[in-house]
PDB file of N, CA and C in Angstrom:
ATOM      1  N   MET A   1     162.787  16.457 -57.153  1.00  0.00           N
ATOM      2  CA  MET A   1     163.442  15.443 -58.907  1.00  0.00           C
ATOM      3  C   MET A   1     164.513  16.434 -59.146  1.00  0.00           C
ATOM      4  N   THR A   2     165.167  15.516 -59.289  1.00  0.00           N
ATOM      5  CA  THR A   2     166.150  15.754 -59.733  1.00  0.00           C
ATOM      6  C   THR A   2     166.614  15.977 -61.131  1.00  0.00           C
ATOM      7  N   ASP A   3     167.183  17.071 -61.549  1.00  0.00           N
ATOM      8  CA  ASP A   3     167.136  17.782 -62.902  1.00  0.00           C
ATOM      9  C   ASP A   3     168.530  16.562 -63.568  1.00  0.00           C
ATOM     10  N   LYS A   4     167.933  15.656 -64.927  1.00  0.00           N
ATOM     11  CA  LYS A   4     168.842  14.874 -65.185  1.00  0.00           C
ATOM     12  C   LYS A   4     169.088  15.696 -66.708  1.00  0.00           C
ATOM     13  N   GLY A   5     169.278  16.772 -67.037  1.00  0.00           N
ATOM     14  CA  GLY A   5     169.515  17.205 -68.401  1.00  0.00           C
ATOM     15  C   GLY A   5     169.008  17.482 -69.375  1.00  0.00           C
ATOM     16  N   THR A   6     167.558  17.043 -69.003  1.00  0.00           N
ATOM     17  CA  THR A   6     166.635  17.030 -69.681  1.00  0.00           C
ATOM     18  C   THR A   6     166.691  18.678 -70.020  1.00  0.00           C
ATOM     19  N   GLY A   7     166.153  19.871 -69.177  1.00  0.00           N
ATOM     20  CA  GLY A   7     165.872  21.041 -69.342  1.00  0.00           C
ATOM     21  C   GLY A   7     166.894  21.800 -70.308  1.00  0.00           C
ATOM     22  N   ASP A   8     168.251  21.746 -69.860  1.00  0.00           N
ATOM     23  CA  ASP A   8     169.113  21.890 -70.853  1.00  0.00           C
ATOM     24  C   ASP A   8     168.946  21.692 -72.081  1.00  0.00           C
ATOM     25  N   LYS A   9     168.862  20.542 -72.249  1.00  0.00           N
ATOM     26  CA  LYS A   9     168.896  19.908 -73.359  1.00  0.00           C
ATOM     27  C   LYS A   9     167.694  20.073 -74.302  1.00  0.00           C
ATOM     28  N   ILE A  10     166.906  20.811 -73.553  1.00  0.00           N
ATOM     29  CA  ILE A  10     165.676  21.309 -74.463  1.00  0.00           C
ATOM     30  C   ILE A  10     165.735  22.370 -74.789  1.00  0.00           C
ATOM     31  N   LYS A  11     166.170  23.484 -73.953  1.00  0.00           N
ATOM     32  CA  LYS A  11     166.586  24.468 -74.200  1.00  0.00           C
ATOM     33  C   LYS A  11     167.766  24.702 -75.100  1.00  0.00           C
ATOM     34  N   GLY A  12     168.772  24.236 -75.273  1.00  0.00           N
ATOM     35  CA  GLY A  12     169.865  23.925 -75.895  1.00  0.00           C
ATOM     36  C   GLY A  12     169.269  24.038 -77.582  1.00  0.00           C
ATOM     37  N   LYS A  13     168.777  22.849 -77.444  1.00  0.00           N
ATOM     38  CA  LYS A  13     167.992  22.227 -79.055  1.00  0.00           C
ATOM     39  C   LYS A  13     167.044  23.325 -79.493  1.00  0.00           C
ATOM     40  N   ALA A  14     166.764  24.290 -79.051  1.00  0.00           N
ATOM     41  CA  ALA A  14     165.537  25.431 -79.207  1.00  0.00           C
ATOM     42  C   ALA A  14     166.827  27.049 -79.907  1.00  0.00           C
ATOM     43  N   LYS A  15     167.454  26.785 -78.520  1.00  0.00           N
ATOM     44  CA  LYS A  15     168.989  27.900 -78.840  1.00  0.00           C
ATOM     45  C   LYS A  15     169.783  27.715 -80.687  1.00  0.00           C
ATOM     46  N   GLU A  16     170.078  26.309 -80.729  1.00  0.00           N
ATOM     47  CA  GLU A  16     170.538  25.592 -81.402  1.00  0.00           C
ATOM     48  C   GLU A  16     169.738  25.721 -83.209  1.00  0.00           C
ATOM     49  N   VAL A  17     168.339  25.590 -82.955  1.00  0.00           N
ATOM     50  CA  VAL A  17     167.412  26.086 -83.817  1.00  0.00           C
ATOM     51  C   VAL A  17     167.299  26.947 -84.234  1.00  0.00           C
ATOM     52  N   ALA A  18     167.354  27.612 -83.005  1.00  0.00           N
ATOM     53  CA  ALA A  18     166.849  29.222 -83.406  1.00  0.00           C
ATOM     54  C   ALA A  18     168.102  30.290 -84.244  1.00  0.00           C
ATOM     55  N   GLY A  19     169.245  29.650 -83.712  1.00  0.00           N
ATOM     56  CA  GLY A  19     170.646  30.176 -84.387  1.00  0.00           C
ATOM     57  C   GLY A  19     170.663  29.609 -85.586  1.00  0.00           C
ATOM     58  N   ASP A  20     169.970  28.738 -86.242  1.00  0.00           N
ATOM     59  CA  ASP A  20     170.642  28.199 -87.299  1.00  0.00           C
ATOM     60  C   ASP A  20     169.415  28.693 -88.219  1.00  0.00           C
ATOM     61  N   VAL A  21     168.076  29.270 -87.504  1.00  0.00           N
ATOM     62  CA  VAL A  21     167.129  29.819 -88.718  1.00  0.00           C
ATOM     63  C   VAL A  21     167.511  31.665 -88.865  1.00  0.00           C
ATOM     64  N   THR A  22     168.515  31.510 -87.703  1.00  0.00           N
ATOM     65  CA  THR A  22     168.615  33.259 -88.031  1.00  0.00           C
ATOM     66  C   THR A  22     170.171  33.032 -88.389  1.00  0.00           C
ATOM     67  N   GLY A  23     170.715  32.357 -88.451  1.00  0.00           N
ATOM     68  CA  GLY A  23     172.097  32.766 -89.338  1.00  0.00           C
ATOM     69  C   GLY A  23     173.034  32.952 -87.872  1.00  0.00           C
ATOM     70  N   ASN A  24     172.762  32.720 -86.679  1.00  0.00           N
ATOM     71  CA  ASN A  24     173.209  33.547 -85.635  1.00  0.00           C
ATOM     72  C   ASN A  24     174.175  32.651 -85.235  1.00  0.00           C
ATOM     73  N   ASP A  25     175.435  32.368 -85.382  1.00  0.00           N
ATOM     74  CA  ASP A  25     176.281  31.043 -85.239  1.00  0.00           C
ATOM     75  C   ASP A  25     176.865  31.154 -83.498  1.00  0.00           C
ATOM     76  N   LYS A  26     176.788  32.320 -82.936  1.00  0.00           N
ATOM     77  CA  LYS A  26     176.903  31.958 -81.406  1.00  0.00           C
ATOM     78  C   LYS A  26     175.779  32.027 -80.594  1.00  0.00           C
ATOM     79  N   GLN A  27     174.695  32.068 -81.152  1.00  0.00           N
ATOM     80  CA  GLN A  27     173.479  31.519 -80.594  1.00  0.00           C
ATOM     81  C   GLN A  27     173.222  29.634 -80.815  1.00  0.00           C
ATOM     82  N   LYS A  28     173.992  29.562 -81.927  1.00  0.00           N
ATOM     83  CA  LYS A  28     173.576  28.091 -82.207  1.00  0.00           C
ATOM     84  C   LYS A  28     174.531  27.281 -81.321  1.00  0.00           C
ATOM     85  N   ALA A  29     176.048  28.336 -81.028  1.00  0.00           N
ATOM     86  CA  ALA A  29     177.200  27.028 -80.319  1.00  0.00           C
ATOM     87  C   ALA A  29     176.513  27.556 -78.897  1.00  0.00           C
ATOM     88  N   GLU A  30     175.967  28.142 -79.057  1.00  0.00           N
ATOM     89  CA  GLU A  30     175.524  28.196 -77.355  1.00  0.00           C
ATOM     90  C   GLU A  30     174.552  27.185 -77.062  1.00  0.00           C
ATOM     91  N   GLY A  31     173.560  27.141 -78.117  1.00  0.00           N
ATOM     92  CA  GLY A  31     173.064  25.801 -77.852  1.00  0.00           C
ATOM     93  C   GLY A  31     173.033  24.843 -77.705  1.00  0.00           C
ATOM     94  N   LEU A  32     174.478  24.581 -78.680  1.00  0.00           N
ATOM     95  CA  LEU A  32     174.985  23.376 -78.612  1.00  0.00           C
ATOM     96  C   LEU A  32     175.511  22.749 -77.527  1.00  0.00           C
ATOM     97  N   LEU A  33     175.930  23.641 -76.802  1.00  0.00           N
ATOM     98  CA  LEU A  33     176.667  24.166 -75.653  1.00  0.00           C
ATOM     99  C   LEU A  33     175.576  23.681 -74.472  1.00  0.00           C
ATOM    100  N   ASP A  34     174.733  24.251 -74.039  1.00  0.00           N
ATOM    101  CA  ASP A  34     173.548  23.802 -73.462  1.00  0.00           C
ATOM    102  C   ASP A  34     173.020  22.703 -73.502  1.00  0.00           C
ATOM    103  N   GLN A  35     173.002  21.819 -75.015  1.00  0.00           N
ATOM    104  CA  GLN A  35     172.888  20.265 -74.915  1.00  0.00           C
ATOM    105  C   GLN A  35     173.883  19.482 -74.099  1.00  0.00           C
ATOM    106  N   ALA A  36     175.234  20.111 -74.293  1.00  0.00           N
ATOM    107  CA  ALA A  36     176.340  19.104 -73.856  1.00  0.00           C
ATOM    108  C   ALA A  36     176.047  19.187 -72.622  1.00  0.00           C
ATOM    109  N   VAL A  37     175.960  20.262 -71.847  1.00  0.00           N
ATOM    110  CA  VAL A  37     175.731  19.984 -70.495  1.00  0.00           C
ATOM    111  C   VAL A  37     174.835  19.354 -69.768  1.00  0.00           C
ATOM    112  N   GLY A  38     173.559  19.463 -70.741  1.00  0.00           N
ATOM    113  CA  GLY A  38     172.542  18.432 -70.359  1.00  0.00           C
ATOM    114  C   GLY A  38     172.404  16.722 -69.880  1.00  0.00           C
ATOM    115  N   LYS A  39     173.553  16.835 -71.530  1.00  0.00           N
ATOM    116  CA  LYS A  39     173.992  15.189 -71.333  1.00  0.00           C
ATOM    117  C   LYS A  39     175.031  15.038 -70.361  1.00  0.00           C
ATOM    118  N   VAL A  40     176.213  15.704 -70.291  1.00  0.00           N
ATOM    119  CA  VAL A  40     176.584  15.348 -69.314  1.00  0.00           C
ATOM    120  C   VAL A  40     175.682  15.382 -67.497  1.00  0.00           C
ATOM    121  N   LYS A  41     175.277  16.313 -67.531  1.00  0.00           N
ATOM    122  CA  LYS A  41     173.951  16.113 -66.026  1.00  0.00           C
ATOM    123  C   LYS A  41     173.471  14.538 -66.168  1.00  0.00           C
ATOM    124  N   GLU A  42     172.925  14.693 -67.139  1.00  0.00           N
ATOM    125  CA  GLU A  42     171.924  13.050 -67.060  1.00  0.00           C
ATOM    126  C   GLU A  42     172.915  11.708 -67.490  1.00  0.00           C
ATOM    127  N   ALA A  43     174.302  12.108 -67.635  1.00  0.00           N
ATOM    128  CA  ALA A  43     175.008  10.825 -67.300  1.00  0.00           C
ATOM    129  C   ALA A  43     175.235  10.757 -65.850  1.00  0.00           C
ATOM    130  N   ALA A  44     175.959  12.010 -65.443  1.00  0.00           N
ATOM    131  CA  ALA A  44     176.292  11.560 -63.769  1.00  0.00           C
ATOM    132  C   ALA A  44     174.872  11.763 -62.779  1.00  0.00           C
ATOM    133  N   SER A  45     174.012  11.763 -63.349  1.00  0.00           N
ATOM    134  CA  SER A  45     173.316  11.203 -62.791  1.00  0.00           C
ATOM    135  C   SER A  45     172.863   9.801 -62.642  1.00  0.00           C
ATOM    136  N   ASP A  46     173.197   9.114 -63.627  1.00  0.00           N
ATOM    137  CA  ASP A  46     172.684   7.843 -64.082  1.00  0.00           C
ATOM    138  C   ASP A  46     174.127   7.085 -63.906  1.00  0.00           C
ATOM    139  N   VAL A  47     175.160   7.924 -63.525  1.00  0.00           N
ATOM    140  CA  VAL A  47     176.399   6.823 -62.750  1.00  0.00           C
ATOM    141  C   VAL A  47     176.027   7.371 -60.880  1.00  0.00           C
ATOM    142  N   LYS A  48     175.296   8.226 -60.475  1.00  0.00           N
ATOM    143  CA  LYS A  48     174.722   7.994 -58.958  1.00  0.00           C
ATOM    144  C   LYS A  48     173.371   7.271 -58.203  1.00  0.00           C
ATOM    145  N   GLU A  49     172.773   7.438 -59.256  1.00  0.00           N
ATOM    146  CA  GLU A  49     171.891   6.054 -59.221  1.00  0.00           C
ATOM    147  C   GLU A  49     172.633   4.918 -59.458  1.00  0.00           C
ATOM    148  N   LYS A  50     172.859   4.331 -60.253  1.00  0.00           N
ATOM    149  CA  LYS A  50     173.969   3.256 -60.548  1.00  0.00           C
ATOM    150  C   LYS A  50     174.861   3.059 -58.956  1.00  0.00           C
ATOM    151  N   ALA A  51     175.313   3.610 -58.727  1.00  0.00           N
ATOM    152  CA  ALA A  51     176.045   3.659 -57.207  1.00  0.00           C
ATOM    153  C   ALA A  51     175.285   3.838 -55.830  1.00  0.00           C
ATOM    154  N   GLU A  52     174.207   4.507 -56.014  1.00  0.00           N
ATOM    155  CA  GLU A  52     172.915   3.688 -55.166  1.00  0.00           C
ATOM    156  C   GLU A  52     172.824   2.432 -54.800  1.00  0.00           C
ATOM    157  N   ASP A  53     172.805   2.274 -56.144  1.00  0.00           N
ATOM    158  CA  ASP A  53     172.180   1.243 -56.217  1.00  0.00           C
ATOM    159  C   ASP A  53     172.840  -0.245 -55.457  1.00  0.00           C
ATOM    160  N   VAL A  54     173.903  -0.043 -56.091  1.00  0.00           N
ATOM    161  CA  VAL A  54     175.289  -0.948 -55.552  1.00  0.00           C
ATOM    162  C   VAL A  54     175.461  -1.104 -53.895  1.00  0.00           C
ATOM    163  N   VAL A  55     175.575   1.162 -53.574  1.00  0.00           N
ATOM    164  CA  VAL A  55     175.338   0.155 -52.156  1.00  0.00           C
ATOM    165  C   VAL A  55     174.369  -0.327 -51.440  1.00  0.00           C
ATOM    166  N   ASP A  56     172.911  -0.304 -51.911  1.00  0.00           N
ATOM    167  CA  ASP A  56     171.596  -0.465 -51.688  1.00  0.00           C
ATOM    168  C   ASP A  56     171.781  -2.066 -51.560  1.00  0.00           C
ATOM    169  N   ASP A  57     172.844  -2.735 -52.701  1.00  0.00           N
ATOM    170  CA  ASP A  57     172.831  -3.810 -52.489  1.00  0.00           C
ATOM    171  C   ASP A  57     174.235  -4.531 -51.656  1.00  0.00           C
ATOM    172  N   ILE A  58     174.675  -3.601 -51.514  1.00  0.00           N
ATOM    173  CA  ILE A  58     175.769  -4.526 -50.540  1.00  0.00           C
ATOM    174  C   ILE A  58     175.353  -4.159 -49.100  1.00  0.00           C
ATOM    175  N   LYS A  59     174.595  -3.596 -48.533  1.00  0.00           N
ATOM    176  CA  LYS A  59     173.809  -3.372 -47.548  1.00  0.00           C
ATOM    177  C   LYS A  59     172.967  -3.994 -47.201  1.00  0.00           C
ATOM    178  N   LYS A  60     172.275  -4.729 -48.427  1.00  0.00           N
ATOM    179  CA  LYS A  60     171.292  -5.859 -47.673  1.00  0.00           C
ATOM    180  C   LYS A  60     171.879  -7.593 -47.914  1.00  0.00           C
ATOM    181  N   LYS A  61     173.274  -7.000 -48.528  1.00  0.00           N
ATOM    182  CA  LYS A  61     174.037  -8.565 -48.473  1.00  0.00           C
ATOM    183  C   LYS A  61     175.013  -8.734 -47.141  1.00  0.00           C
ATOM    184  N   LEU A  62     175.003  -7.621 -46.196  1.00  0.00           N
ATOM    185  CA  LEU A  62     175.103  -7.326 -45.264  1.00  0.00           C
ATOM    186  C   LEU A  62     174.243  -7.317 -44.226  1.00  0.00           C
ATOM    187  N   ASP A  63     173.096  -7.608 -44.630  1.00  0.00           N
ATOM    188  CA  ASP A  63     172.775  -7.702 -43.268  1.00  0.00           C
ATOM    189  C   ASP A  63     171.720  -8.832 -43.600  1.00  0.00           C
ATOM    190  N   LYS A  64     172.238  -9.993 -43.991  1.00  0.00           N
ATOM    191  CA  LYS A  64     171.837 -11.008 -43.793  1.00  0.00           C
ATOM    192  C   LYS A  64     172.227 -11.833 -43.065  1.00  0.00           C
TER     193      LYS A  64
END
């Protein structure tokens, strides 16, 4: 199974909340960064899936 960034987003949200509750700005910033990494991974995965779909469609049209 491909990691679509969900783990990074969850980990980041936990760090952000923990940093916010404890007043630890560094931990909060790390959490925001982890969430951003997760969003980038998610977007990259979506692009990859779309590209694979396009390639499959082209292959089907060429096989006809």
